[in-house]
Amino acid sequence: MKLEDIALIGILIISGVGVLFYGALIVLGTIATFPFGLPVLALGGIFVFVFLGVVLQRMNNKEDDYYEKNIKE
């Protein structure tokens, strides 16, 4: 394995941990402001749910893959 591949894996792991930590801080911050933070937390959860649904649908759609590979504009 090349040194640049190891460095890239390390950077991805460190950035993933940072994103998870930042997300945990946001969740804890909205829970700390209890009555006012819950709607924000609910809206954020809905956004994440819809975003992941769209990404998964796009990744599993064979028709979009066909047009992406074969149709030139």
C-alpha atoms as a PDB file:
ATOM      1  CA  MET A   1       0.000   0.000   0.000  1.00  0.00           C
ATOM      2  CA  LYS A   2       1.359   3.392  -0.970  1.00  0.00           C
ATOM      3  CA  LEU A   3       2.062   6.095   1.572  1.00  0.00           C
ATOM      4  CA  GLU A   4      -0.421   8.454  -0.113  1.00  0.00           C
ATOM      5  CA  ASP A   5      -3.189   5.844   0.250  1.00  0.00           C
ATOM      6  CA  ILE A   6      -2.421   5.476   3.949  1.00  0.00           C
ATOM      7  CA  ALA A   7      -2.452   9.252   4.357  1.00  0.00           C
ATOM      8  CA  LEU A   8      -5.800   9.508   2.546  1.00  0.00           C
ATOM      9  CA  ILE A   9      -7.323   6.804   4.755  1.00  0.00           C
ATOM     10  CA  GLY A  10      -6.034   8.611   7.841  1.00  0.00           C
ATOM     11  CA  ILE A  11      -7.480  11.920   6.704  1.00  0.00           C
ATOM     12  CA  LEU A  12     -10.863  10.307   5.971  1.00  0.00           C
ATOM     13  CA  ILE A  13     -10.960   8.649   9.388  1.00  0.00           C
ATOM     14  CA  ILE A  14     -10.005  11.846  11.208  1.00  0.00           C
ATOM     15  CA  SER A  15     -12.538  13.933   9.263  1.00  0.00           C
ATOM     16  CA  GLY A  16     -15.262  11.317   9.877  1.00  0.00           C
ATOM     17  CA  VAL A  17     -14.608  11.420  13.611  1.00  0.00           C
ATOM     18  CA  GLY A  18     -14.706  15.213  13.469  1.00  0.00           C
ATOM     19  CA  VAL A  19     -18.058  15.224  11.658  1.00  0.00           C
ATOM     20  CA  LEU A  20     -19.534  12.777  14.175  1.00  0.00           C
ATOM     21  CA  PHE A  21     -18.220  14.844  17.085  1.00  0.00           C
ATOM     22  CA  TYR A  22     -19.609  18.055  15.584  1.00  0.00           C
ATOM     23  CA  GLY A  23     -22.986  16.374  14.998  1.00  0.00           C
ATOM     24  CA  ALA A  24     -23.040  15.165  18.606  1.00  0.00           C
ATOM     25  CA  LEU A  25     -22.312  18.708  19.800  1.00  0.00           C
ATOM     26  CA  ILE A  26     -25.201  20.060  17.737  1.00  0.00           C
ATOM     27  CA  VAL A  27     -27.585  17.436  19.127  1.00  0.00           C
ATOM     28  CA  LEU A  28     -26.458  18.060  22.697  1.00  0.00           C
ATOM     29  CA  GLY A  29     -26.730  21.814  22.195  1.00  0.00           C
ATOM     30  CA  THR A  30     -30.292  21.587  20.937  1.00  0.00           C
ATOM     31  CA  ILE A  31     -31.267  19.255  23.773  1.00  0.00           C
ATOM     32  CA  ALA A  32     -29.674  21.634  26.301  1.00  0.00           C
ATOM     33  CA  THR A  33     -32.074  24.383  25.208  1.00  0.00           C
ATOM     34  CA  PHE A  34     -34.864  21.933  25.919  1.00  0.00           C
ATOM     35  CA  PRO A  35     -38.184  23.403  24.832  1.00  0.00           C
ATOM     36  CA  PHE A  36     -36.753  25.457  21.975  1.00  0.00           C
ATOM     37  CA  GLY A  37     -34.185  23.006  20.663  1.00  0.00           C
ATOM     38  CA  LEU A  38     -36.539  20.087  20.058  1.00  0.00           C
ATOM     39  CA  PRO A  39     -38.195  21.531  16.928  1.00  0.00           C
ATOM     40  CA  VAL A  40     -34.762  22.224  15.476  1.00  0.00           C
ATOM     41  CA  LEU A  41     -33.693  18.675  16.297  1.00  0.00           C
ATOM     42  CA  ALA A  42     -36.869  17.274  14.722  1.00  0.00           C
ATOM     43  CA  LEU A  43     -36.408  19.336  11.544  1.00  0.00           C
ATOM     44  CA  GLY A  44     -32.776  18.267  11.335  1.00  0.00           C
ATOM     45  CA  GLY A  45     -33.801  14.626  11.695  1.00  0.00           C
ATOM     46  CA  ILE A  46     -36.392  14.976   8.936  1.00  0.00           C
ATOM     47  CA  PHE A  47     -33.817  16.644   6.686  1.00  0.00           C
ATOM     48  CA  VAL A  48     -31.281  13.856   7.256  1.00  0.00           C
ATOM     49  CA  PHE A  49     -33.945  11.188   6.644  1.00  0.00           C
ATOM     50  CA  VAL A  50     -35.074  12.761   3.355  1.00  0.00           C
ATOM     51  CA  PHE A  51     -31.493  13.416   2.215  1.00  0.00           C
ATOM     52  CA  LEU A  52     -30.441   9.818   2.842  1.00  0.00           C
ATOM     53  CA  GLY A  53     -33.579   8.570   1.064  1.00  0.00           C
ATOM     54  CA  VAL A  54     -32.791  10.642  -2.020  1.00  0.00           C
ATOM     55  CA  VAL A  55     -29.149   9.533  -2.086  1.00  0.00           C
ATOM     56  CA  LEU A  56     -30.068   5.851  -1.701  1.00  0.00           C
ATOM     57  CA  GLN A  57     -32.739   6.130  -4.391  1.00  0.00           C
ATOM     58  CA  ARG A  58     -30.256   7.723  -6.793  1.00  0.00           C
ATOM     59  CA  MET A  59     -27.596   5.118  -6.108  1.00  0.00           C
ATOM     60  CA  ASN A  60     -30.003   2.233  -6.804  1.00  0.00           C
ATOM     61  CA  ASN A  61     -31.709   3.665  -9.917  1.00  0.00           C
ATOM     62  CA  LYS A  62     -30.599   1.791 -13.041  1.00  0.00           C
ATOM     63  CA  GLU A  63     -32.396   4.182 -15.396  1.00  0.00           C
ATOM     64  CA  ASP A  64     -30.333   7.149 -14.176  1.00  0.00           C
ATOM     65  CA  ASP A  65     -27.156   5.095 -14.556  1.00  0.00           C
ATOM     66  CA  TYR A  66     -28.095   4.253 -18.146  1.00  0.00           C
ATOM     67  CA  TYR A  67     -28.633   7.907 -19.068  1.00  0.00           C
ATOM     68  CA  GLU A  68     -25.483   8.973 -17.261  1.00  0.00           C
ATOM     69  CA  LYS A  69     -23.351   6.478 -19.191  1.00  0.00           C
ATOM     70  CA  ASN A  70     -24.967   6.405 -22.644  1.00  0.00           C
ATOM     71  CA  ILE A  71     -26.693   9.725 -23.352  1.00  0.00           C
ATOM     72  CA  LYS A  72     -24.490  12.644 -24.434  1.00  0.00           C
ATOM     73  CA  GLU A  73     -25.827  16.174 -24.619  1.00  0.00           C
END
